[in-house]
Amino acid sequence: MVFKHVSVMAQEVIDLLKPEPRKRYLDGTLGGGGHTEQILIQSSPDGRVLGLDLDDEALAAAARRLFGFGDRLMVRQANFATAGAILSEIGWSRVDGVVLDLGISSHQLESRERGFSFRTGARLDMRMDLRQALDAYQIVNAFTVSELERILRKYGEEPQARRIALAIGSERKTKAIETTEELAEIVARVKGKSGRDHHPATQTFQALRIAVNQELENLDRFLANGYQLLQPKGRMVVISFHSLEDRLVKAAFRKWNRSCICPPRTPTCQCGWSQKVKLLTTRPLSPSPGEIEANPRARSAKLRAVERI
């Protein structure tokens, strides 16, 4: 299958990053290379990009798409949470811009064998990094009912997490739950039919995907000190696709923007904190109606951006 992914809010990303020649950039979620391609074009003739992605198919597709940019692009199969170590490895102390597009790609959703979608009867998998041992099959069939409930409630914000976890536990006593279709049917029996645009298994599949790939944990690791990757005046743009991600980004950016993080009513500042960034977006930006019409999967995107002081 040809790797397919439409980069969300590409123009907004470029408008905020303002790529320039001789500058260095990090695309922590390279995907099909759409954002990076625009950064390389705008920073011509000698701007450079380090592109990271866990998905080896994405890296291969991006390398083909961006072949003409030569050594202006470097790629690594890695999670953006390890970006600091990789920058040190290649001899870059800091970068002038960072972009993270936290969404799952259309290719991953539509590749039957990847097991991300409830619309295809594929083996439960959901790994972004195929080198990883843990997959959705193991979580569904080996985790305790209590652990399943926690995952569905925490990562899917699923109000019927307990009932779904119990139904999974009951079903797997007879036989292993092997495919996305089987799991979706179990959830649908518990929840009943939903609206045309929202399959009853949507939140369950989101929760499992996040758990398999440790998405929130890796984002949290990155946001602990991600501002340190930026040169002064360097900019960071993050696009999230569900409230759990956006809350983490919002909280981190607000903390980085504060001059003191002492508890309220502390008589004198004792935290030693100083403002790290200024906010470029006081509220998240959303895709335009035209972009949503052309790419419905963009509708839940929220973009936030900061500039290093």
C-alpha atoms as a PDB file:
ATOM      1  CA  MET A   1       0.000   0.000   0.000  1.00  0.00           C
ATOM      2  CA  VAL A   2       1.235   3.509  -0.837  1.00  0.00           C
ATOM      3  CA  PHE A   3       1.877   5.490   2.362  1.00  0.00           C
ATOM      4  CA  LYS A   4      -0.877   8.076   2.650  1.00  0.00           C
ATOM      5  CA  HIS A   5      -1.166  10.868   5.182  1.00  0.00           C
ATOM      6  CA  VAL A   6      -2.398  14.434   4.807  1.00  0.00           C
ATOM      7  CA  SER A   7      -0.520  16.828   7.078  1.00  0.00           C
ATOM      8  CA  VAL A   8      -2.970  18.801   9.175  1.00  0.00           C
ATOM      9  CA  MET A   9      -2.860  22.620   9.379  1.00  0.00           C
ATOM     10  CA  ALA A  10       0.298  22.748   7.264  1.00  0.00           C
ATOM     11  CA  GLN A  11      -0.026  26.450   6.461  1.00  0.00           C
ATOM     12  CA  GLU A  12      -0.616  27.379  10.106  1.00  0.00           C
ATOM     13  CA  VAL A  13       2.473  25.402  11.106  1.00  0.00           C
ATOM     14  CA  ILE A  14       4.639  27.254   8.575  1.00  0.00           C
ATOM     15  CA  ASP A  15       3.158  30.640   9.496  1.00  0.00           C
ATOM     16  CA  LEU A  16       4.082  30.060  13.145  1.00  0.00           C
ATOM     17  CA  LEU A  17       7.474  28.384  12.676  1.00  0.00           C
ATOM     18  CA  LYS A  18       8.627  30.960  10.089  1.00  0.00           C
ATOM     19  CA  PRO A  19      11.395  28.709   8.677  1.00  0.00           C
ATOM     20  CA  GLU A  20      14.532  30.521   7.498  1.00  0.00           C
ATOM     21  CA  PRO A  21      17.765  29.590   5.718  1.00  0.00           C
ATOM     22  CA  ARG A  22      20.693  28.370   7.833  1.00  0.00           C
ATOM     23  CA  LYS A  23      18.312  27.335  10.632  1.00  0.00           C
ATOM     24  CA  ARG A  24      17.767  23.871  12.106  1.00  0.00           C
ATOM     25  CA  TYR A  25      14.406  22.242  12.776  1.00  0.00           C
ATOM     26  CA  LEU A  26      13.028  19.132  14.456  1.00  0.00           C
ATOM     27  CA  ASP A  27       9.973  17.293  13.141  1.00  0.00           C
ATOM     28  CA  GLY A  28       9.290  14.869  15.965  1.00  0.00           C
ATOM     29  CA  THR A  29       6.494  13.068  14.105  1.00  0.00           C
ATOM     30  CA  LEU A  30       7.744  12.894  10.530  1.00  0.00           C
ATOM     31  CA  GLY A  31       4.930  10.742   9.138  1.00  0.00           C
ATOM     32  CA  GLY A  32       4.722  11.084   5.379  1.00  0.00           C
ATOM     33  CA  GLY A  33       6.933  14.189   5.474  1.00  0.00           C
ATOM     34  CA  GLY A  34       4.335  16.858   4.678  1.00  0.00           C
ATOM     35  CA  HIS A  35       5.311  19.349   7.380  1.00  0.00           C
ATOM     36  CA  THR A  36       9.011  18.708   6.851  1.00  0.00           C
ATOM     37  CA  GLU A  37       8.707  19.248   3.102  1.00  0.00           C
ATOM     38  CA  GLN A  38       7.257  22.710   3.676  1.00  0.00           C
ATOM     39  CA  ILE A  39       9.921  23.541   6.267  1.00  0.00           C
ATOM     40  CA  LEU A  40      12.669  22.527   3.818  1.00  0.00           C
ATOM     41  CA  ILE A  41      11.109  24.553   1.008  1.00  0.00           C
ATOM     42  CA  GLN A  42      10.706  27.651   3.163  1.00  0.00           C
ATOM     43  CA  SER A  43      14.203  27.362   4.662  1.00  0.00           C
ATOM     44  CA  SER A  44      15.909  26.890   1.281  1.00  0.00           C
ATOM     45  CA  PRO A  45      18.707  26.688   0.326  1.00  0.00           C
ATOM     46  CA  ASP A  46      20.410  25.404   3.472  1.00  0.00           C
ATOM     47  CA  GLY A  47      17.909  24.997   6.303  1.00  0.00           C
ATOM     48  CA  ARG A  48      18.027  21.494   7.804  1.00  0.00           C
ATOM     49  CA  VAL A  49      15.530  19.151   9.461  1.00  0.00           C
ATOM     50  CA  LEU A  50      15.890  16.183  11.783  1.00  0.00           C
ATOM     51  CA  GLY A  51      12.848  13.953  11.318  1.00  0.00           C
ATOM     52  CA  LEU A  52      11.846  11.347  13.899  1.00  0.00           C
ATOM     53  CA  ASP A  53       9.183   8.660  13.664  1.00  0.00           C
ATOM     54  CA  LEU A  54       8.532   5.276  15.253  1.00  0.00           C
ATOM     55  CA  ASP A  55       6.966   3.832  12.107  1.00  0.00           C
ATOM     56  CA  ASP A  56       9.547   2.420   9.699  1.00  0.00           C
ATOM     57  CA  GLU A  57       7.002   2.564   6.861  1.00  0.00           C
ATOM     58  CA  ALA A  58       6.557   6.296   7.481  1.00  0.00           C
ATOM     59  CA  LEU A  59      10.311   6.849   7.476  1.00  0.00           C
ATOM     60  CA  ALA A  60      10.688   4.999   4.184  1.00  0.00           C
ATOM     61  CA  ALA A  61       7.835   6.970   2.604  1.00  0.00           C
ATOM     62  CA  ALA A  62       9.252  10.297   3.817  1.00  0.00           C
ATOM     63  CA  ALA A  63      12.719   9.403   2.540  1.00  0.00           C
ATOM     64  CA  ARG A  64      11.263   8.737  -0.923  1.00  0.00           C
ATOM     65  CA  ARG A  65       9.197  11.923  -0.913  1.00  0.00           C
ATOM     66  CA  LEU A  66      12.044  14.128   0.302  1.00  0.00           C
ATOM     67  CA  PHE A  67      14.924  12.502  -1.568  1.00  0.00           C
ATOM     68  CA  GLY A  68      15.603  15.661  -3.578  1.00  0.00           C
ATOM     69  CA  PHE A  69      16.536  17.633  -0.449  1.00  0.00           C
ATOM     70  CA  GLY A  70      19.643  15.482   0.053  1.00  0.00           C
ATOM     71  CA  ASP A  71      21.512  15.847   3.319  1.00  0.00           C
ATOM     72  CA  ARG A  72      19.345  18.753   4.419  1.00  0.00           C
ATOM     73  CA  LEU A  73      17.144  16.022   5.940  1.00  0.00           C
ATOM     74  CA  MET A  74      18.272  13.472   8.536  1.00  0.00           C
ATOM     75  CA  VAL A  75      15.890  10.775   9.771  1.00  0.00           C
ATOM     76  CA  ARG A  76      15.925   8.481  12.805  1.00  0.00           C
ATOM     77  CA  GLN A  77      13.519   5.776  13.952  1.00  0.00           C
ATOM     78  CA  ALA A  78      12.823   7.075  17.428  1.00  0.00           C
ATOM     79  CA  ASN A  79      10.216   8.626  19.676  1.00  0.00           C
ATOM     80  CA  PHE A  80      10.240  12.406  20.039  1.00  0.00           C
ATOM     81  CA  ALA A  81      10.578  11.910  23.816  1.00  0.00           C
ATOM     82  CA  THR A  82      14.235  11.022  23.133  1.00  0.00           C
ATOM     83  CA  ALA A  83      14.844  14.047  20.893  1.00  0.00           C
ATOM     84  CA  GLY A  84      17.364  15.647  23.243  1.00  0.00           C
ATOM     85  CA  ALA A  85      19.642  12.618  23.159  1.00  0.00           C
ATOM     86  CA  ILE A  86      19.422  12.375  19.377  1.00  0.00           C
ATOM     87  CA  LEU A  87      20.249  16.063  18.922  1.00  0.00           C
ATOM     88  CA  SER A  88      23.354  15.537  21.052  1.00  0.00           C
ATOM     89  CA  GLU A  89      24.246  12.462  19.004  1.00  0.00           C
ATOM     90  CA  ILE A  90      24.212  14.408  15.718  1.00  0.00           C
ATOM     91  CA  GLY A  91      25.981  17.424  17.180  1.00  0.00           C
ATOM     92  CA  TRP A  92      23.062  19.849  17.322  1.00  0.00           C
ATOM     93  CA  SER A  93      22.864  21.661  20.638  1.00  0.00           C
ATOM     94  CA  ARG A  94      19.453  23.228  20.003  1.00  0.00           C
ATOM     95  CA  VAL A  95      17.050  23.847  17.141  1.00  0.00           C
ATOM     96  CA  ASP A  96      15.204  26.876  15.811  1.00  0.00           C
ATOM     97  CA  GLY A  97      11.844  25.164  15.553  1.00  0.00           C
ATOM     98  CA  VAL A  98       9.975  22.022  16.621  1.00  0.00           C
ATOM     99  CA  VAL A  99       6.765  20.571  15.233  1.00  0.00           C
ATOM    100  CA  LEU A 100       4.808  17.652  16.691  1.00  0.00           C
ATOM    101  CA  ASP A 101       1.740  16.308  14.898  1.00  0.00           C
ATOM    102  CA  LEU A 102       0.395  13.832  17.433  1.00  0.00           C
ATOM    103  CA  GLY A 103      -2.270  12.289  15.221  1.00  0.00           C
ATOM    104  CA  ILE A 104      -2.312   8.755  13.868  1.00  0.00           C
ATOM    105  CA  SER A 105      -1.729   8.654  10.121  1.00  0.00           C
ATOM    106  CA  SER A 106      -4.328   7.711   7.525  1.00  0.00           C
ATOM    107  CA  HIS A 107      -1.904   5.012   6.373  1.00  0.00           C
ATOM    108  CA  GLN A 108      -1.865   3.396   9.800  1.00  0.00           C
ATOM    109  CA  LEU A 109      -5.654   3.506  10.038  1.00  0.00           C
ATOM    110  CA  GLU A 110      -6.174   2.112   6.566  1.00  0.00           C
ATOM    111  CA  SER A 111      -3.454  -0.552   6.612  1.00  0.00           C
ATOM    112  CA  ARG A 112      -5.417  -3.649   7.497  1.00  0.00           C
ATOM    113  CA  GLU A 113      -2.421  -5.530   8.849  1.00  0.00           C
ATOM    114  CA  ARG A 114      -1.579  -2.792  11.370  1.00  0.00           C
ATOM    115  CA  GLY A 115      -4.767  -3.512  13.338  1.00  0.00           C
ATOM    116  CA  PHE A 116      -5.586   0.073  14.315  1.00  0.00           C
ATOM    117  CA  SER A 117      -9.108   0.320  12.922  1.00  0.00           C
ATOM    118  CA  PHE A 118     -12.323  -1.377  13.980  1.00  0.00           C
ATOM    119  CA  ARG A 119     -13.478  -1.182  10.371  1.00  0.00           C
ATOM    120  CA  THR A 120     -11.173  -3.995   9.230  1.00  0.00           C
ATOM    121  CA  GLY A 121     -11.049  -7.543  10.576  1.00  0.00           C
ATOM    122  CA  ALA A 122      -7.291  -7.536  11.198  1.00  0.00           C
ATOM    123  CA  ARG A 123      -5.330  -9.057  14.056  1.00  0.00           C
ATOM    124  CA  LEU A 124      -5.242  -6.738  17.053  1.00  0.00           C
ATOM    125  CA  ASP A 125      -1.913  -4.938  16.904  1.00  0.00           C
ATOM    126  CA  MET A 126      -1.845  -1.091  17.032  1.00  0.00           C
ATOM    127  CA  ARG A 127       1.948  -0.784  17.360  1.00  0.00           C
ATOM    128  CA  MET A 128       3.474   2.297  15.800  1.00  0.00           C
ATOM    129  CA  ASP A 129       6.901   0.742  16.291  1.00  0.00           C
ATOM    130  CA  LEU A 130       6.809  -2.837  15.001  1.00  0.00           C
ATOM    131  CA  ARG A 131      10.016  -3.635  16.918  1.00  0.00           C
ATOM    132  CA  GLN A 132       8.016  -3.358  20.135  1.00  0.00           C
ATOM    133  CA  ALA A 133       6.800  -6.541  21.852  1.00  0.00           C
ATOM    134  CA  LEU A 134       3.594  -5.306  23.496  1.00  0.00           C
ATOM    135  CA  ASP A 135       0.569  -5.081  21.204  1.00  0.00           C
ATOM    136  CA  ALA A 136      -3.196  -4.706  21.573  1.00  0.00           C
ATOM    137  CA  TYR A 137      -3.733  -8.482  21.366  1.00  0.00           C
ATOM    138  CA  GLN A 138      -1.701  -8.972  24.544  1.00  0.00           C
ATOM    139  CA  ILE A 139      -3.494  -6.202  26.413  1.00  0.00           C
ATOM    140  CA  VAL A 140      -6.961  -7.478  25.435  1.00  0.00           C
ATOM    141  CA  ASN A 141      -6.208 -11.121  26.172  1.00  0.00           C
ATOM    142  CA  ALA A 142      -3.695 -11.059  29.024  1.00  0.00           C
ATOM    143  CA  PHE A 143      -4.369  -7.978  31.147  1.00  0.00           C
ATOM    144  CA  THR A 144      -6.711  -8.346  34.122  1.00  0.00           C
ATOM    145  CA  VAL A 145     -10.233  -6.994  33.941  1.00  0.00           C
ATOM    146  CA  SER A 146      -9.264  -4.274  36.408  1.00  0.00           C
ATOM    147  CA  GLU A 147      -6.294  -3.246  34.257  1.00  0.00           C
ATOM    148  CA  LEU A 148      -8.507  -3.161  31.154  1.00  0.00           C
ATOM    149  CA  GLU A 149     -11.054  -1.011  32.961  1.00  0.00           C
ATOM    150  CA  ARG A 150      -8.321   1.416  34.031  1.00  0.00           C
ATOM    151  CA  ILE A 151      -7.000   1.707  30.457  1.00  0.00           C
ATOM    152  CA  LEU A 152     -10.451   2.277  28.967  1.00  0.00           C
ATOM    153  CA  ARG A 153     -11.368   4.844  31.609  1.00  0.00           C
ATOM    154  CA  LYS A 154      -8.044   6.716  31.668  1.00  0.00           C
ATOM    155  CA  TYR A 155      -7.106   6.718  27.991  1.00  0.00           C
ATOM    156  CA  GLY A 156     -10.507   6.473  26.330  1.00  0.00           C
ATOM    157  CA  GLU A 157     -12.622   8.386  28.862  1.00  0.00           C
ATOM    158  CA  GLU A 158     -15.078   5.548  28.288  1.00  0.00           C
ATOM    159  CA  PRO A 159     -18.085   5.849  30.666  1.00  0.00           C
ATOM    160  CA  GLN A 160     -18.884   2.145  30.311  1.00  0.00           C
ATOM    161  CA  ALA A 161     -15.310   0.992  30.918  1.00  0.00           C
ATOM    162  CA  ARG A 162     -16.278  -1.511  33.622  1.00  0.00           C
ATOM    163  CA  ARG A 163     -18.984  -3.203  31.561  1.00  0.00           C
ATOM    164  CA  ILE A 164     -16.755  -3.421  28.480  1.00  0.00           C
ATOM    165  CA  ALA A 165     -13.838  -4.826  30.497  1.00  0.00           C
ATOM    166  CA  LEU A 166     -16.120  -7.455  32.036  1.00  0.00           C
ATOM    167  CA  ALA A 167     -17.487  -8.392  28.601  1.00  0.00           C
ATOM    168  CA  ILE A 168     -13.946  -8.804  27.266  1.00  0.00           C
ATOM    169  CA  GLY A 169     -13.019 -10.918  30.281  1.00  0.00           C
ATOM    170  CA  SER A 170     -16.050 -13.134  29.760  1.00  0.00           C
ATOM    171  CA  GLU A 171     -15.505 -13.548  26.019  1.00  0.00           C
ATOM    172  CA  ARG A 172     -11.850 -14.516  26.256  1.00  0.00           C
ATOM    173  CA  LYS A 173     -12.625 -17.362  28.680  1.00  0.00           C
ATOM    174  CA  THR A 174     -14.041 -19.219  25.685  1.00  0.00           C
ATOM    175  CA  LYS A 175     -11.507 -18.167  23.048  1.00  0.00           C
ATOM    176  CA  ALA A 176      -8.895 -15.506  22.481  1.00  0.00           C
ATOM    177  CA  ILE A 177     -10.107 -12.220  20.998  1.00  0.00           C
ATOM    178  CA  GLU A 178      -7.923 -12.052  17.913  1.00  0.00           C
ATOM    179  CA  THR A 179      -9.263  -9.403  15.538  1.00  0.00           C
ATOM    180  CA  THR A 180     -10.329  -5.786  15.575  1.00  0.00           C
ATOM    181  CA  GLU A 181     -13.719  -6.850  14.254  1.00  0.00           C
ATOM    182  CA  GLU A 182     -14.299  -9.273  17.150  1.00  0.00           C
ATOM    183  CA  LEU A 183     -13.398  -6.614  19.713  1.00  0.00           C
ATOM    184  CA  ALA A 184     -15.593  -3.998  18.043  1.00  0.00           C
ATOM    185  CA  GLU A 185     -18.555  -6.394  18.113  1.00  0.00           C
ATOM    186  CA  ILE A 186     -18.071  -7.035  21.841  1.00  0.00           C
ATOM    187  CA  VAL A 187     -18.065  -3.314  22.565  1.00  0.00           C
ATOM    188  CA  ALA A 188     -21.088  -2.728  20.333  1.00  0.00           C
ATOM    189  CA  ARG A 189     -23.048  -5.396  22.219  1.00  0.00           C
ATOM    190  CA  VAL A 190     -22.321  -3.591  25.484  1.00  0.00           C
ATOM    191  CA  LYS A 191     -22.985  -0.056  24.268  1.00  0.00           C
ATOM    192  CA  GLY A 192     -25.557  -0.573  21.535  1.00  0.00           C
ATOM    193  CA  LYS A 193     -25.613   1.341  18.299  1.00  0.00           C
ATOM    194  CA  SER A 194     -24.208   4.874  18.147  1.00  0.00           C
ATOM    195  CA  GLY A 195     -24.594   7.682  15.651  1.00  0.00           C
ATOM    196  CA  ARG A 196     -23.363   7.336  12.089  1.00  0.00           C
ATOM    197  CA  ASP A 197     -20.210   9.388  12.757  1.00  0.00           C
ATOM    198  CA  HIS A 198     -19.239   7.722  16.036  1.00  0.00           C
ATOM    199  CA  HIS A 199     -18.767   3.962  16.234  1.00  0.00           C
ATOM    200  CA  PRO A 200     -19.407   2.606  19.759  1.00  0.00           C
ATOM    201  CA  ALA A 201     -15.871   1.161  19.840  1.00  0.00           C
ATOM    202  CA  THR A 202     -14.129   4.476  19.058  1.00  0.00           C
ATOM    203  CA  GLN A 203     -13.110   5.253  22.643  1.00  0.00           C
ATOM    204  CA  THR A 204     -12.057   1.661  23.340  1.00  0.00           C
ATOM    205  CA  PHE A 205      -9.774   1.587  20.320  1.00  0.00           C
ATOM    206  CA  GLN A 206      -8.330   4.996  21.194  1.00  0.00           C
ATOM    207  CA  ALA A 207      -7.575   3.791  24.723  1.00  0.00           C
ATOM    208  CA  LEU A 208      -5.855   0.621  23.542  1.00  0.00           C
ATOM    209  CA  ARG A 209      -3.771   2.476  20.949  1.00  0.00           C
ATOM    210  CA  ILE A 210      -2.611   5.003  23.539  1.00  0.00           C
ATOM    211  CA  ALA A 211      -1.758   2.233  26.013  1.00  0.00           C
ATOM    212  CA  VAL A 212       0.126   0.127  23.446  1.00  0.00           C
ATOM    213  CA  ASN A 213       2.278   3.054  22.327  1.00  0.00           C
ATOM    214  CA  GLN A 214       2.541   4.815  25.704  1.00  0.00           C
ATOM    215  CA  GLU A 215       1.508   7.975  23.913  1.00  0.00           C
ATOM    216  CA  LEU A 216       0.653  10.112  26.930  1.00  0.00           C
ATOM    217  CA  GLU A 217       3.687   8.961  28.909  1.00  0.00           C
ATOM    218  CA  ASN A 218       6.009   9.855  26.027  1.00  0.00           C
ATOM    219  CA  LEU A 219       4.313  13.220  25.533  1.00  0.00           C
ATOM    220  CA  ASP A 220       4.646  13.904  29.255  1.00  0.00           C
ATOM    221  CA  ARG A 221       8.361  13.019  29.111  1.00  0.00           C
ATOM    222  CA  PHE A 222       8.862  15.407  26.215  1.00  0.00           C
ATOM    223  CA  LEU A 223       6.928  18.227  27.866  1.00  0.00           C
ATOM    224  CA  ALA A 224       8.886  17.971  31.101  1.00  0.00           C
ATOM    225  CA  ASN A 225      11.675  20.059  29.572  1.00  0.00           C
ATOM    226  CA  GLY A 226      11.023  20.250  25.840  1.00  0.00           C
ATOM    227  CA  TYR A 227      11.622  24.008  25.809  1.00  0.00           C
ATOM    228  CA  GLN A 228      15.320  23.243  26.350  1.00  0.00           C
ATOM    229  CA  LEU A 229      15.514  21.994  22.756  1.00  0.00           C
ATOM    230  CA  LEU A 230      14.863  25.504  21.444  1.00  0.00           C
ATOM    231  CA  GLN A 231      17.289  28.282  20.677  1.00  0.00           C
ATOM    232  CA  PRO A 232      16.266  31.739  21.949  1.00  0.00           C
ATOM    233  CA  LYS A 233      13.442  32.902  19.652  1.00  0.00           C
ATOM    234  CA  GLY A 234      12.979  29.290  18.558  1.00  0.00           C
ATOM    235  CA  ARG A 235       9.376  28.179  18.168  1.00  0.00           C
ATOM    236  CA  MET A 236       7.449  25.009  18.996  1.00  0.00           C
ATOM    237  CA  VAL A 237       4.152  23.992  17.386  1.00  0.00           C
ATOM    238  CA  VAL A 238       2.139  21.042  18.702  1.00  0.00           C
ATOM    239  CA  ILE A 239      -1.005  19.629  17.080  1.00  0.00           C
ATOM    240  CA  SER A 240      -3.124  17.328  19.243  1.00  0.00           C
ATOM    241  CA  PHE A 241      -6.222  15.341  18.356  1.00  0.00           C
ATOM    242  CA  HIS A 242      -7.968  14.528  21.617  1.00  0.00           C
ATOM    243  CA  SER A 243      -8.506  16.228  24.953  1.00  0.00           C
ATOM    244  CA  LEU A 244      -6.022  14.083  26.883  1.00  0.00           C
ATOM    245  CA  GLU A 245      -3.124  15.250  24.705  1.00  0.00           C
ATOM    246  CA  ASP A 246      -4.312  18.848  24.549  1.00  0.00           C
ATOM    247  CA  ARG A 247      -4.584  19.090  28.343  1.00  0.00           C
ATOM    248  CA  LEU A 248      -0.959  18.014  28.732  1.00  0.00           C
ATOM    249  CA  VAL A 249       0.249  20.476  26.089  1.00  0.00           C
ATOM    250  CA  LYS A 250      -1.860  23.312  27.513  1.00  0.00           C
ATOM    251  CA  ALA A 251      -0.610  22.707  31.077  1.00  0.00           C
ATOM    252  CA  ALA A 252       3.038  22.494  30.016  1.00  0.00           C
ATOM    253  CA  PHE A 253       2.918  25.603  27.845  1.00  0.00           C
ATOM    254  CA  ARG A 254       1.229  27.581  30.627  1.00  0.00           C
ATOM    255  CA  LYS A 255       3.874  26.432  33.116  1.00  0.00           C
ATOM    256  CA  TRP A 256       6.686  27.366  30.723  1.00  0.00           C
ATOM    257  CA  ASN A 257       5.040  30.793  30.312  1.00  0.00           C
ATOM    258  CA  ARG A 258       4.928  31.527  34.062  1.00  0.00           C
ATOM    259  CA  SER A 259       7.590  33.421  35.982  1.00  0.00           C
ATOM    260  CA  CYS A 260       6.872  31.564  39.251  1.00  0.00           C
ATOM    261  CA  ILE A 261       5.374  28.144  40.005  1.00  0.00           C
ATOM    262  CA  CYS A 262       5.171  28.443  43.787  1.00  0.00           C
ATOM    263  CA  PRO A 263       1.845  27.393  45.358  1.00  0.00           C
ATOM    264  CA  PRO A 264      -0.731  30.180  45.726  1.00  0.00           C
ATOM    265  CA  ARG A 265      -0.349  32.379  48.826  1.00  0.00           C
ATOM    266  CA  THR A 266       3.377  31.631  49.143  1.00  0.00           C
ATOM    267  CA  PRO A 267       4.694  34.886  50.719  1.00  0.00           C
ATOM    268  CA  THR A 268       7.910  35.022  48.663  1.00  0.00           C
ATOM    269  CA  CYS A 269       8.988  33.075  45.625  1.00  0.00           C
ATOM    270  CA  GLN A 270      11.062  30.032  46.523  1.00  0.00           C
ATOM    271  CA  CYS A 271      10.754  27.929  43.363  1.00  0.00           C
ATOM    272  CA  GLY A 272      13.688  29.342  41.425  1.00  0.00           C
ATOM    273  CA  TRP A 273      11.634  29.059  38.261  1.00  0.00           C
ATOM    274  CA  SER A 274      11.777  31.662  35.508  1.00  0.00           C
ATOM    275  CA  GLN A 275       9.692  32.192  32.402  1.00  0.00           C
ATOM    276  CA  LYS A 276      10.915  29.989  29.562  1.00  0.00           C
ATOM    277  CA  VAL A 277       8.605  30.908  26.671  1.00  0.00           C
ATOM    278  CA  LYS A 278       5.921  33.291  25.543  1.00  0.00           C
ATOM    279  CA  LEU A 279       2.634  31.970  24.235  1.00  0.00           C
ATOM    280  CA  LEU A 280       1.974  32.475  20.536  1.00  0.00           C
ATOM    281  CA  THR A 281      -1.542  31.036  20.837  1.00  0.00           C
ATOM    282  CA  THR A 282      -3.531  32.011  23.917  1.00  0.00           C
ATOM    283  CA  ARG A 283      -6.232  29.647  22.674  1.00  0.00           C
ATOM    284  CA  PRO A 284      -5.728  26.645  20.402  1.00  0.00           C
ATOM    285  CA  LEU A 285      -6.153  27.124  16.672  1.00  0.00           C
ATOM    286  CA  SER A 286      -8.500  24.808  14.769  1.00  0.00           C
ATOM    287  CA  PRO A 287      -8.520  23.773  11.108  1.00  0.00           C
ATOM    288  CA  SER A 288     -10.448  25.956   8.683  1.00  0.00           C
ATOM    289  CA  PRO A 289     -13.876  24.778   7.461  1.00  0.00           C
ATOM    290  CA  GLY A 290     -12.306  24.223   4.038  1.00  0.00           C
ATOM    291  CA  GLU A 291      -9.603  21.950   5.431  1.00  0.00           C
ATOM    292  CA  ILE A 292     -12.142  19.960   7.456  1.00  0.00           C
ATOM    293  CA  GLU A 293     -14.269  19.507   4.345  1.00  0.00           C
ATOM    294  CA  ALA A 294     -11.242  18.281   2.369  1.00  0.00           C
ATOM    295  CA  ASN A 295      -9.888  16.153   5.241  1.00  0.00           C
ATOM    296  CA  PRO A 296     -12.603  15.238   7.798  1.00  0.00           C
ATOM    297  CA  ARG A 297     -10.027  13.577  10.062  1.00  0.00           C
ATOM    298  CA  ALA A 298      -8.617  17.052  10.760  1.00  0.00           C
ATOM    299  CA  ARG A 299     -11.788  18.208  12.516  1.00  0.00           C
ATOM    300  CA  SER A 300     -10.586  17.457  16.071  1.00  0.00           C
ATOM    301  CA  ALA A 301      -7.121  19.005  15.650  1.00  0.00           C
ATOM    302  CA  LYS A 302      -5.969  21.708  18.073  1.00  0.00           C
ATOM    303  CA  LEU A 303      -2.755  23.653  17.501  1.00  0.00           C
ATOM    304  CA  ARG A 304      -0.773  25.419  20.222  1.00  0.00           C
ATOM    305  CA  ALA A 305       2.529  27.258  19.840  1.00  0.00           C
ATOM    306  CA  VAL A 306       5.196  28.972  21.954  1.00  0.00           C
ATOM    307  CA  GLU A 307       8.405  30.935  21.391  1.00  0.00           C
ATOM    308  CA  ARG A 308      11.502  30.483  23.569  1.00  0.00           C
ATOM    309  CA  ILE A 309      12.608  33.590  25.422  1.00  0.00           C
END
